[in-house]
Amino acid sequence: MISKYVIYEFRLQRNIDGMEEIMSSEKCADMIEGMFPKVGEINGLNLVGTQGKGKNQELSPHGNKMESNHRQIATLLIEANKTKKITTKYQERSEVDNPFLRVMFDLRPEHCYMAVERKASAMPVENAAQLIEHAFNYMLWESGWKFKYEQPKIPMEFWDILVFIRKRFNDRLKKVSLVFDDTMAKNKTAKESESDNDKKRKVIDDFISHFSKGNFSIDMGDDERMEKYKNDILHLATLCAEQNYQLIAEFRMFGPIGYTKAFPALMAIEKKSIDDFTGRREETAMGCYALESWFDNIYKLFGQQKGMNDDERRRDEMDMV
């Protein structure tokens, strides 16, 4: 079973005499880890939400449990506060339903990453991230420090993103599709004359309609087939960028990824890798867990490349592939 996580970088910062100060990653990791409850403790973290027009903060009804915390990686479970309808013998009744999602923290030196599980049955990812932010800021209030998070972004061409995911994460590209919405094209040309853009759009429309009605897709089976259609994919990416068509690449683990020019802060991982870590299975004195390697890849992708210029980044990307 595969789970997907949205990745955030987090930091602690404060304002002193109008100057912003950011705590070092090592001290930040130590302080955050010091605020975690004991492993196994239920509702040990005071989750805080905002309510009403004034956005007043109050304790959230969402429960939580500290699942594990060792080797400077911690996992926290956050439950939703929901009800669901159950039908038994033609009778409906409401029942408490508390699906949960997992939030993982990489607190190793220089890392400071937070991975929030994308699990629609529980709650939106951003809601979970905000609960974490409010909880830490509630505890940090007297210190003057504030917990901040953001999704890391690495500029990268769309084809390079596909190659990187395929090679670095041993994933398989299943299909690339260009979805064409005819109403979109009609709305764009309604008030325009025979300009160069009109002519270009007509060529694109003819190209798409030549293949199929509504979409054009390339089925992938292996690396050789992916490389064979490289020029077609590049061409589709150009059309997408110029005309705002929707280009979708679908991977086995990552799932669908829309056209972008920045590597998406979304990572897939086998649930077994997490279970092995939280259950401390397959631990050896010299080895590491698959979850640690997963976070290492995240750091290599986002952390190590943050300060590079474009030429250095391209060389490093090729080395990692």
Foldseek 3Di string as FASTA:
>chain_A
DKWKWFKKAKWKWFADPNDIDTDALLVRLVVVVVQDDDAFDKQSFFFWFFDDPVRDIDGDPWIKGFLDAPPQKTKMKIWAFDWDWDADPNDIDIDTDIDIWMWMFRSPHLQRMIITICDVVGHHRVVVVVRVQVRVCVVCVVVRMGMDMDGFWDFAAPLLLVVLCCPLVVWFWFKKKWFDDPVLLCVVCVPPDPDPVVVVVVVVVVVQVVQHPGMDMDGDDDPVSCVVCSVVVVVSLVCCVVRVIWMWIAIPFQGIDTGDRINGSMDMDDVVLVVCVSVVHPDDPPDDTPVVVVSVVVCLLGVVCPPPDPVVNVVSSVVSD
